[in-house]
Amino acid sequence: SDVVIMTDDVSKINDGIKISKKTSKIIKQNLVFAIGVKVLVLILSALGIASMWQAVFADTGVTLLTILNTTRILKK
C-alpha cells in the first residue's frame, strides 16, 4: 500500500512503521483465533456435540471479537 505524509515532519515515518508492525501483529492474532475457533467448532459439529446454531453463534462471536481486537490499532 501507499503512504502519504501530509506534513514536513520526517519523524512521522517512524510512527508509520510502528503502526504497521502493530497492525501486522493484530492481524496475525485475529487469523489464528478465528481459524482456531472455526476448526474447533467444525470438529465438535462432526462429533455431534455442536449444532448448527452453536456454529452460527461461534462464527458471529469470533467476528465481533476480531473487530474489537482490531480497534486496538486506533489506540496510541
PDB file of N, CA and C in Angstrom:
ATOM      1  N   SER A   1       0.835  -1.182   0.000  1.00  0.00           N
ATOM      2  CA  SER A   1       0.000   0.000   0.000  1.00  0.00           C
ATOM      3  C   SER A   1       0.879   1.244   0.000  1.00  0.00           C
ATOM      4  N   ASP A   2       0.277   2.343  -0.278  1.00  0.00           N
ATOM      5  CA  ASP A   2       0.993   3.611  -0.327  1.00  0.00           C
ATOM      6  C   ASP A   2       0.756   4.398   0.953  1.00  0.00           C
ATOM      7  N   VAL A   3       1.724   5.223   1.288  1.00  0.00           N
ATOM      8  CA  VAL A   3       1.622   6.088   2.454  1.00  0.00           C
ATOM      9  C   VAL A   3       1.874   7.509   2.006  1.00  0.00           C
ATOM     10  N   VAL A   4       1.042   8.413   2.488  1.00  0.00           N
ATOM     11  CA  VAL A   4       1.205   9.828   2.170  1.00  0.00           C
ATOM     12  C   VAL A   4       1.443  10.575   3.470  1.00  0.00           C
ATOM     13  N   ILE A   5       2.535  11.325   3.530  1.00  0.00           N
ATOM     14  CA  ILE A   5       2.836  12.143   4.704  1.00  0.00           C
ATOM     15  C   ILE A   5       2.384  13.559   4.378  1.00  0.00           C
ATOM     16  N   MET A   6       1.471  14.064   5.197  1.00  0.00           N
ATOM     17  CA  MET A   6       0.852  15.355   4.912  1.00  0.00           C
ATOM     18  C   MET A   6       1.627  16.540   5.498  1.00  0.00           C
ATOM     19  N   THR A   7       2.639  16.273   6.303  1.00  0.00           N
ATOM     20  CA  THR A   7       3.422  17.356   6.896  1.00  0.00           C
ATOM     21  C   THR A   7       4.889  17.177   6.524  1.00  0.00           C
ATOM     22  N   ASP A   8       5.690  18.137   6.908  1.00  0.00           N
ATOM     23  CA  ASP A   8       7.127  18.074   6.640  1.00  0.00           C
ATOM     24  C   ASP A   8       7.887  17.356   7.739  1.00  0.00           C
ATOM     25  N   ASP A   9       7.179  16.756   8.678  1.00  0.00           N
ATOM     26  CA  ASP A   9       7.805  16.099   9.818  1.00  0.00           C
ATOM     27  C   ASP A   9       8.263  14.692   9.424  1.00  0.00           C
ATOM     28  N   VAL A  10       9.564  14.497   9.385  1.00  0.00           N
ATOM     29  CA  VAL A  10      10.137  13.224   8.962  1.00  0.00           C
ATOM     30  C   VAL A  10       9.922  12.138  10.026  1.00  0.00           C
ATOM     31  N   SER A  11       9.707  12.532  11.280  1.00  0.00           N
ATOM     32  CA  SER A  11       9.507  11.543  12.344  1.00  0.00           C
ATOM     33  C   SER A  11       8.205  10.765  12.163  1.00  0.00           C
ATOM     34  N   LYS A  12       7.329  11.220  11.302  1.00  0.00           N
ATOM     35  CA  LYS A  12       6.076  10.504  11.026  1.00  0.00           C
ATOM     36  C   LYS A  12       6.347   9.171  10.325  1.00  0.00           C
ATOM     37  N   ILE A  13       7.483   9.053   9.671  1.00  0.00           N
ATOM     38  CA  ILE A  13       7.843   7.788   9.027  1.00  0.00           C
ATOM     39  C   ILE A  13       8.028   6.712  10.091  1.00  0.00           C
ATOM     40  N   ASN A  14       8.696   7.069  11.171  1.00  0.00           N
ATOM     41  CA  ASN A  14       8.888   6.131  12.273  1.00  0.00           C
ATOM     42  C   ASN A  14       7.553   5.719  12.882  1.00  0.00           C
ATOM     43  N   ASP A  15       6.643   6.679  13.048  1.00  0.00           N
ATOM     44  CA  ASP A  15       5.305   6.375  13.566  1.00  0.00           C
ATOM     45  C   ASP A  15       4.558   5.420  12.636  1.00  0.00           C
ATOM     46  N   GLY A  16       4.682   5.640  11.354  1.00  0.00           N
ATOM     47  CA  GLY A  16       4.032   4.771  10.374  1.00  0.00           C
ATOM     48  C   GLY A  16       4.558   3.346  10.431  1.00  0.00           C
ATOM     49  N   ILE A  17       5.850   3.199  10.633  1.00  0.00           N
ATOM     50  CA  ILE A  17       6.442   1.864  10.740  1.00  0.00           C
ATOM     51  C   ILE A  17       5.943   1.167  12.000  1.00  0.00           C
ATOM     52  N   LYS A  18       5.857   1.895  13.119  1.00  0.00           N
ATOM     53  CA  LYS A  18       5.351   1.315  14.367  1.00  0.00           C
ATOM     54  C   LYS A  18       3.901   0.862  14.211  1.00  0.00           C
ATOM     55  N   ILE A  19       3.082   1.697  13.576  1.00  0.00           N
ATOM     56  CA  ILE A  19       1.673   1.356  13.375  1.00  0.00           C
ATOM     57  C   ILE A  19       1.545   0.135  12.472  1.00  0.00           C
ATOM     58  N   SER A  20       2.375   0.052  11.436  1.00  0.00           N
ATOM     59  CA  SER A  20       2.288  -1.096  10.525  1.00  0.00           C
ATOM     60  C   SER A  20       2.707  -2.391  11.211  1.00  0.00           C
ATOM     61  N   LYS A  21       3.703  -2.345  12.077  1.00  0.00           N
ATOM     62  CA  LYS A  21       4.121  -3.543  12.814  1.00  0.00           C
ATOM     63  C   LYS A  21       3.029  -3.983  13.782  1.00  0.00           C
ATOM     64  N   LYS A  22       2.404  -3.020  14.461  1.00  0.00           N
ATOM     65  CA  LYS A  22       1.323  -3.332  15.386  1.00  0.00           C
ATOM     66  C   LYS A  22       0.133  -3.920  14.632  1.00  0.00           C
ATOM     67  N   THR A  23      -0.168  -3.350  13.479  1.00  0.00           N
ATOM     68  CA  THR A  23      -1.275  -3.840  12.662  1.00  0.00           C
ATOM     69  C   THR A  23      -1.015  -5.262  12.197  1.00  0.00           C
ATOM     70  N   SER A  24       0.190  -5.549  11.770  1.00  0.00           N
ATOM     71  CA  SER A  24       0.543  -6.890  11.316  1.00  0.00           C
ATOM     72  C   SER A  24       0.394  -7.909  12.446  1.00  0.00           C
ATOM     73  N   LYS A  25       0.817  -7.536  13.643  1.00  0.00           N
ATOM     74  CA  LYS A  25       0.705  -8.425  14.796  1.00  0.00           C
ATOM     75  C   LYS A  25      -0.762  -8.714  15.131  1.00  0.00           C
ATOM     76  N   ILE A  26      -1.587  -7.698  15.093  1.00  0.00           N
ATOM     77  CA  ILE A  26      -3.010  -7.872  15.412  1.00  0.00           C
ATOM     78  C   ILE A  26      -3.703  -8.701  14.340  1.00  0.00           C
ATOM     79  N   ILE A  27      -3.337  -8.518  13.091  1.00  0.00           N
ATOM     80  CA  ILE A  27      -3.929  -9.315  12.012  1.00  0.00           C
ATOM     81  C   ILE A  27      -3.589 -10.792  12.197  1.00  0.00           C
ATOM     82  N   LYS A  28      -2.355 -11.088  12.550  1.00  0.00           N
ATOM     83  CA  LYS A  28      -1.962 -12.476  12.787  1.00  0.00           C
ATOM     84  C   LYS A  28      -2.725 -13.067  13.966  1.00  0.00           C
ATOM     85  N   GLN A  29      -2.912 -12.290  15.039  1.00  0.00           N
ATOM     86  CA  GLN A  29      -3.693 -12.757  16.184  1.00  0.00           C
ATOM     87  C   GLN A  29      -5.115 -13.084  15.762  1.00  0.00           C
ATOM     88  N   ASN A  30      -5.720 -12.200  14.995  1.00  0.00           N
ATOM     89  CA  ASN A  30      -7.096 -12.404  14.543  1.00  0.00           C
ATOM     90  C   ASN A  30      -7.216 -13.654  13.683  1.00  0.00           C
ATOM     91  N   LEU A  31      -6.268 -13.859  12.785  1.00  0.00           N
ATOM     92  CA  LEU A  31      -6.321 -15.038  11.917  1.00  0.00           C
ATOM     93  C   LEU A  31      -6.203 -16.330  12.712  1.00  0.00           C
ATOM     94  N   VAL A  32      -5.252 -16.387  13.618  1.00  0.00           N
ATOM     95  CA  VAL A  32      -5.061 -17.601  14.415  1.00  0.00           C
ATOM     96  C   VAL A  32      -6.300 -17.870  15.267  1.00  0.00           C
ATOM     97  N   PHE A  33      -6.835 -16.843  15.891  1.00  0.00           N
ATOM     98  CA  PHE A  33      -8.016 -17.005  16.743  1.00  0.00           C
ATOM     99  C   PHE A  33      -9.229 -17.458  15.929  1.00  0.00           C
ATOM    100  N   ALA A  34      -9.489 -16.785  14.815  1.00  0.00           N
ATOM    101  CA  ALA A  34     -10.662 -17.112  14.007  1.00  0.00           C
ATOM    102  C   ALA A  34     -10.575 -18.523  13.427  1.00  0.00           C
ATOM    103  N   ILE A  35      -9.426 -18.868  12.872  1.00  0.00           N
ATOM    104  CA  ILE A  35      -9.275 -20.209  12.290  1.00  0.00           C
ATOM    105  C   ILE A  35      -9.332 -21.271  13.384  1.00  0.00           C
ATOM    106  N   GLY A  36      -8.741 -20.997  14.536  1.00  0.00           N
ATOM    107  CA  GLY A  36      -8.772 -21.942  15.647  1.00  0.00           C
ATOM    108  C   GLY A  36     -10.184 -22.234  16.126  1.00  0.00           C
ATOM    109  N   VAL A  37     -10.977 -21.192  16.294  1.00  0.00           N
ATOM    110  CA  VAL A  37     -12.366 -21.387  16.742  1.00  0.00           C
ATOM    111  C   VAL A  37     -13.172 -22.110  15.680  1.00  0.00           C
ATOM    112  N   LYS A  38     -12.985 -21.772  14.421  1.00  0.00           N
ATOM    113  CA  LYS A  38     -13.731 -22.431  13.347  1.00  0.00           C
ATOM    114  C   LYS A  38     -13.375 -23.920  13.255  1.00  0.00           C
ATOM    115  N   VAL A  39     -12.104 -24.258  13.410  1.00  0.00           N
ATOM    116  CA  VAL A  39     -11.702 -25.660  13.388  1.00  0.00           C
ATOM    117  C   VAL A  39     -12.292 -26.397  14.594  1.00  0.00           C
ATOM    118  N   LEU A  40     -12.260 -25.754  15.756  1.00  0.00           N
ATOM    119  CA  LEU A  40     -12.833 -26.365  16.954  1.00  0.00           C
ATOM    120  C   LEU A  40     -14.322 -26.642  16.787  1.00  0.00           C
ATOM    121  N   VAL A  41     -15.059 -25.673  16.268  1.00  0.00           N
ATOM    122  CA  VAL A  41     -16.494 -25.855  16.062  1.00  0.00           C
ATOM    123  C   VAL A  41     -16.749 -26.902  14.982  1.00  0.00           C
ATOM    124  N   LEU A  42     -15.920 -26.941  13.963  1.00  0.00           N
ATOM    125  CA  LEU A  42     -16.055 -27.964  12.926  1.00  0.00           C
ATOM    126  C   LEU A  42     -15.875 -29.363  13.508  1.00  0.00           C
ATOM    127  N   ILE A  43     -14.874 -29.526  14.354  1.00  0.00           N
ATOM    128  CA  ILE A  43     -14.642 -30.834  14.987  1.00  0.00           C
ATOM    129  C   ILE A  43     -15.809 -31.196  15.903  1.00  0.00           C
ATOM    130  N   LEU A  44     -16.266 -30.231  16.701  1.00  0.00           N
ATOM    131  CA  LEU A  44     -17.397 -30.506  17.592  1.00  0.00           C
ATOM    132  C   LEU A  44     -18.663 -30.834  16.805  1.00  0.00           C
ATOM    133  N   SER A  45     -18.850 -30.182  15.684  1.00  0.00           N
ATOM    134  CA  SER A  45     -20.012 -30.478  14.836  1.00  0.00           C
ATOM    135  C   SER A  45     -19.901 -31.872  14.223  1.00  0.00           C
ATOM    136  N   ALA A  46     -18.709 -32.246  13.793  1.00  0.00           N
ATOM    137  CA  ALA A  46     -18.515 -33.564  13.204  1.00  0.00           C
ATOM    138  C   ALA A  46     -18.755 -34.670  14.230  1.00  0.00           C
ATOM    139  N   LEU A  47     -18.452 -34.387  15.494  1.00  0.00           N
ATOM    140  CA  LEU A  47     -18.674 -35.360  16.551  1.00  0.00           C
ATOM    141  C   LEU A  47     -20.116 -35.344  17.069  1.00  0.00           C
ATOM    142  N   GLY A  48     -20.911 -34.409  16.584  1.00  0.00           N
ATOM    143  CA  GLY A  48     -22.305 -34.323  17.002  1.00  0.00           C
ATOM    144  C   GLY A  48     -22.513 -33.574  18.304  1.00  0.00           C
ATOM    145  N   ILE A  49     -21.482 -32.884  18.771  1.00  0.00           N
ATOM    146  CA  ILE A  49     -21.584 -32.145  20.033  1.00  0.00           C
ATOM    147  C   ILE A  49     -22.153 -30.748  19.815  1.00  0.00           C
ATOM    148  N   ALA A  50     -21.769 -30.100  18.736  1.00  0.00           N
ATOM    149  CA  ALA A  50     -22.226 -28.744  18.440  1.00  0.00           C
ATOM    150  C   ALA A  50     -23.282 -28.784  17.338  1.00  0.00           C
ATOM    151  N   SER A  51     -24.296 -27.946  17.508  1.00  0.00           N
ATOM    152  CA  SER A  51     -25.353 -27.864  16.496  1.00  0.00           C
ATOM    153  C   SER A  51     -25.049 -26.728  15.519  1.00  0.00           C
ATOM    154  N   MET A  52     -25.907 -26.608  14.533  1.00  0.00           N
ATOM    155  CA  MET A  52     -25.742 -25.543  13.537  1.00  0.00           C
ATOM    156  C   MET A  52     -25.858 -24.170  14.189  1.00  0.00           C
ATOM    157  N   TRP A  53     -26.782 -24.014  15.119  1.00  0.00           N
ATOM    158  CA  TRP A  53     -26.960 -22.717  15.780  1.00  0.00           C
ATOM    159  C   TRP A  53     -25.741 -22.344  16.603  1.00  0.00           C
ATOM    160  N   GLN A  54     -25.130 -23.313  17.259  1.00  0.00           N
ATOM    161  CA  GLN A  54     -23.913 -23.027  18.014  1.00  0.00           C
ATOM    162  C   GLN A  54     -22.781 -22.617  17.082  1.00  0.00           C
ATOM    163  N   ALA A  55     -22.725 -23.212  15.911  1.00  0.00           N
ATOM    164  CA  ALA A  55     -21.704 -22.837  14.930  1.00  0.00           C
ATOM    165  C   ALA A  55     -21.936 -21.410  14.437  1.00  0.00           C
ATOM    166  N   VAL A  56     -23.193 -21.052  14.210  1.00  0.00           N
ATOM    167  CA  VAL A  56     -23.511 -19.693  13.759  1.00  0.00           C
ATOM    168  C   VAL A  56     -23.142 -18.682  14.838  1.00  0.00           C
ATOM    169  N   PHE A  57     -23.500 -18.972  16.086  1.00  0.00           N
ATOM    170  CA  PHE A  57     -23.165 -18.052  17.178  1.00  0.00           C
ATOM    171  C   PHE A  57     -21.649 -17.961  17.385  1.00  0.00           C
ATOM    172  N   ALA A  58     -20.949 -19.077  17.235  1.00  0.00           N
ATOM    173  CA  ALA A  58     -19.492 -19.054  17.361  1.00  0.00           C
ATOM    174  C   ALA A  58     -18.872 -18.189  16.268  1.00  0.00           C
ATOM    175  N   ASP A  59     -19.381 -18.327  15.055  1.00  0.00           N
ATOM    176  CA  ASP A  59     -18.851 -17.535  13.939  1.00  0.00           C
ATOM    177  C   ASP A  59     -19.118 -16.053  14.151  1.00  0.00           C
ATOM    178  N   THR A  60     -20.328 -15.722  14.589  1.00  0.00           N
ATOM    179  CA  THR A  60     -20.666 -14.320  14.851  1.00  0.00           C
ATOM    180  C   THR A  60     -19.824 -13.778  16.002  1.00  0.00           C
ATOM    181  N   GLY A  61     -19.649 -14.580  17.038  1.00  0.00           N
ATOM    182  CA  GLY A  61     -18.829 -14.147  18.171  1.00  0.00           C
ATOM    183  C   GLY A  61     -17.386 -13.914  17.785  1.00  0.00           C
ATOM    184  N   VAL A  62     -16.844 -14.792  16.969  1.00  0.00           N
ATOM    185  CA  VAL A  62     -15.465 -14.617  16.505  1.00  0.00           C
ATOM    186  C   VAL A  62     -15.337 -13.335  15.691  1.00  0.00           C
ATOM    187  N   THR A  63     -16.319 -13.077  14.855  1.00  0.00           N
ATOM    188  CA  THR A  63     -16.286 -11.853  14.043  1.00  0.00           C
ATOM    189  C   THR A  63     -16.285 -10.618  14.927  1.00  0.00           C
ATOM    190  N   LEU A  64     -17.162 -10.586  15.922  1.00  0.00           N
ATOM    191  CA  LEU A  64     -17.220  -9.427  16.818  1.00  0.00           C
ATOM    192  C   LEU A  64     -15.926  -9.269  17.618  1.00  0.00           C
ATOM    193  N   LEU A  65     -15.382 -10.378  18.102  1.00  0.00           N
ATOM    194  CA  LEU A  65     -14.135 -10.294  18.873  1.00  0.00           C
ATOM    195  C   LEU A  65     -12.956  -9.832  18.023  1.00  0.00           C
ATOM    196  N   THR A  66     -12.891 -10.266  16.780  1.00  0.00           N
ATOM    197  CA  THR A  66     -11.789  -9.813  15.926  1.00  0.00           C
ATOM    198  C   THR A  66     -11.934  -8.331  15.581  1.00  0.00           C
ATOM    199  N   ILE A  67     -13.170  -7.881  15.429  1.00  0.00           N
ATOM    200  CA  ILE A  67     -13.377  -6.440  15.181  1.00  0.00           C
ATOM    201  C   ILE A  67     -12.942  -5.635  16.394  1.00  0.00           C
ATOM    202  N   LEU A  68     -13.336  -6.090  17.587  1.00  0.00           N
ATOM    203  CA  LEU A  68     -12.927  -5.381  18.805  1.00  0.00           C
ATOM    204  C   LEU A  68     -11.409  -5.420  18.990  1.00  0.00           C
ATOM    205  N   ASN A  69     -10.794  -6.542  18.664  1.00  0.00           N
ATOM    206  CA  ASN A  69      -9.341  -6.652  18.763  1.00  0.00           C
ATOM    207  C   ASN A  69      -8.662  -5.701  17.782  1.00  0.00           C
ATOM    208  N   THR A  70      -9.234  -5.543  16.611  1.00  0.00           N
ATOM    209  CA  THR A  70      -8.652  -4.671  15.594  1.00  0.00           C
ATOM    210  C   THR A  70      -8.739  -3.189  16.007  1.00  0.00           C
ATOM    211  N   THR A  71      -9.731  -2.820  16.805  1.00  0.00           N
ATOM    212  CA  THR A  71      -9.849  -1.421  17.228  1.00  0.00           C
ATOM    213  C   THR A  71      -8.682  -1.003  18.116  1.00  0.00           C
ATOM    214  N   ARG A  72      -7.894  -1.966  18.593  1.00  0.00           N
ATOM    215  CA  ARG A  72      -6.706  -1.606  19.382  1.00  0.00           C
ATOM    216  C   ARG A  72      -5.693  -0.828  18.557  1.00  0.00           C
ATOM    217  N   ILE A  73      -5.781  -0.935  17.238  1.00  0.00           N
ATOM    218  CA  ILE A  73      -4.846  -0.186  16.384  1.00  0.00           C
ATOM    219  C   ILE A  73      -5.041   1.308  16.557  1.00  0.00           C
ATOM    220  N   LEU A  74      -6.267   1.727  16.848  1.00  0.00           N
ATOM    221  CA  LEU A  74      -6.564   3.138  16.966  1.00  0.00           C
ATOM    222  C   LEU A  74      -5.931   3.766  18.207  1.00  0.00           C
ATOM    223  N   LYS A  75      -5.624   2.955  19.213  1.00  0.00           N
ATOM    224  CA  LYS A  75      -5.008   3.482  20.431  1.00  0.00           C
ATOM    225  C   LYS A  75      -3.520   3.690  20.204  1.00  0.00           C
ATOM    226  N   LYS A  76      -3.005   4.746  20.744  1.00  0.00           N
ATOM    227  CA  LYS A  76      -1.568   5.013  20.608  1.00  0.00           C
ATOM    228  C   LYS A  76      -0.815   4.590  21.810  1.00  0.00           C
TER     229      LYS A  76
END
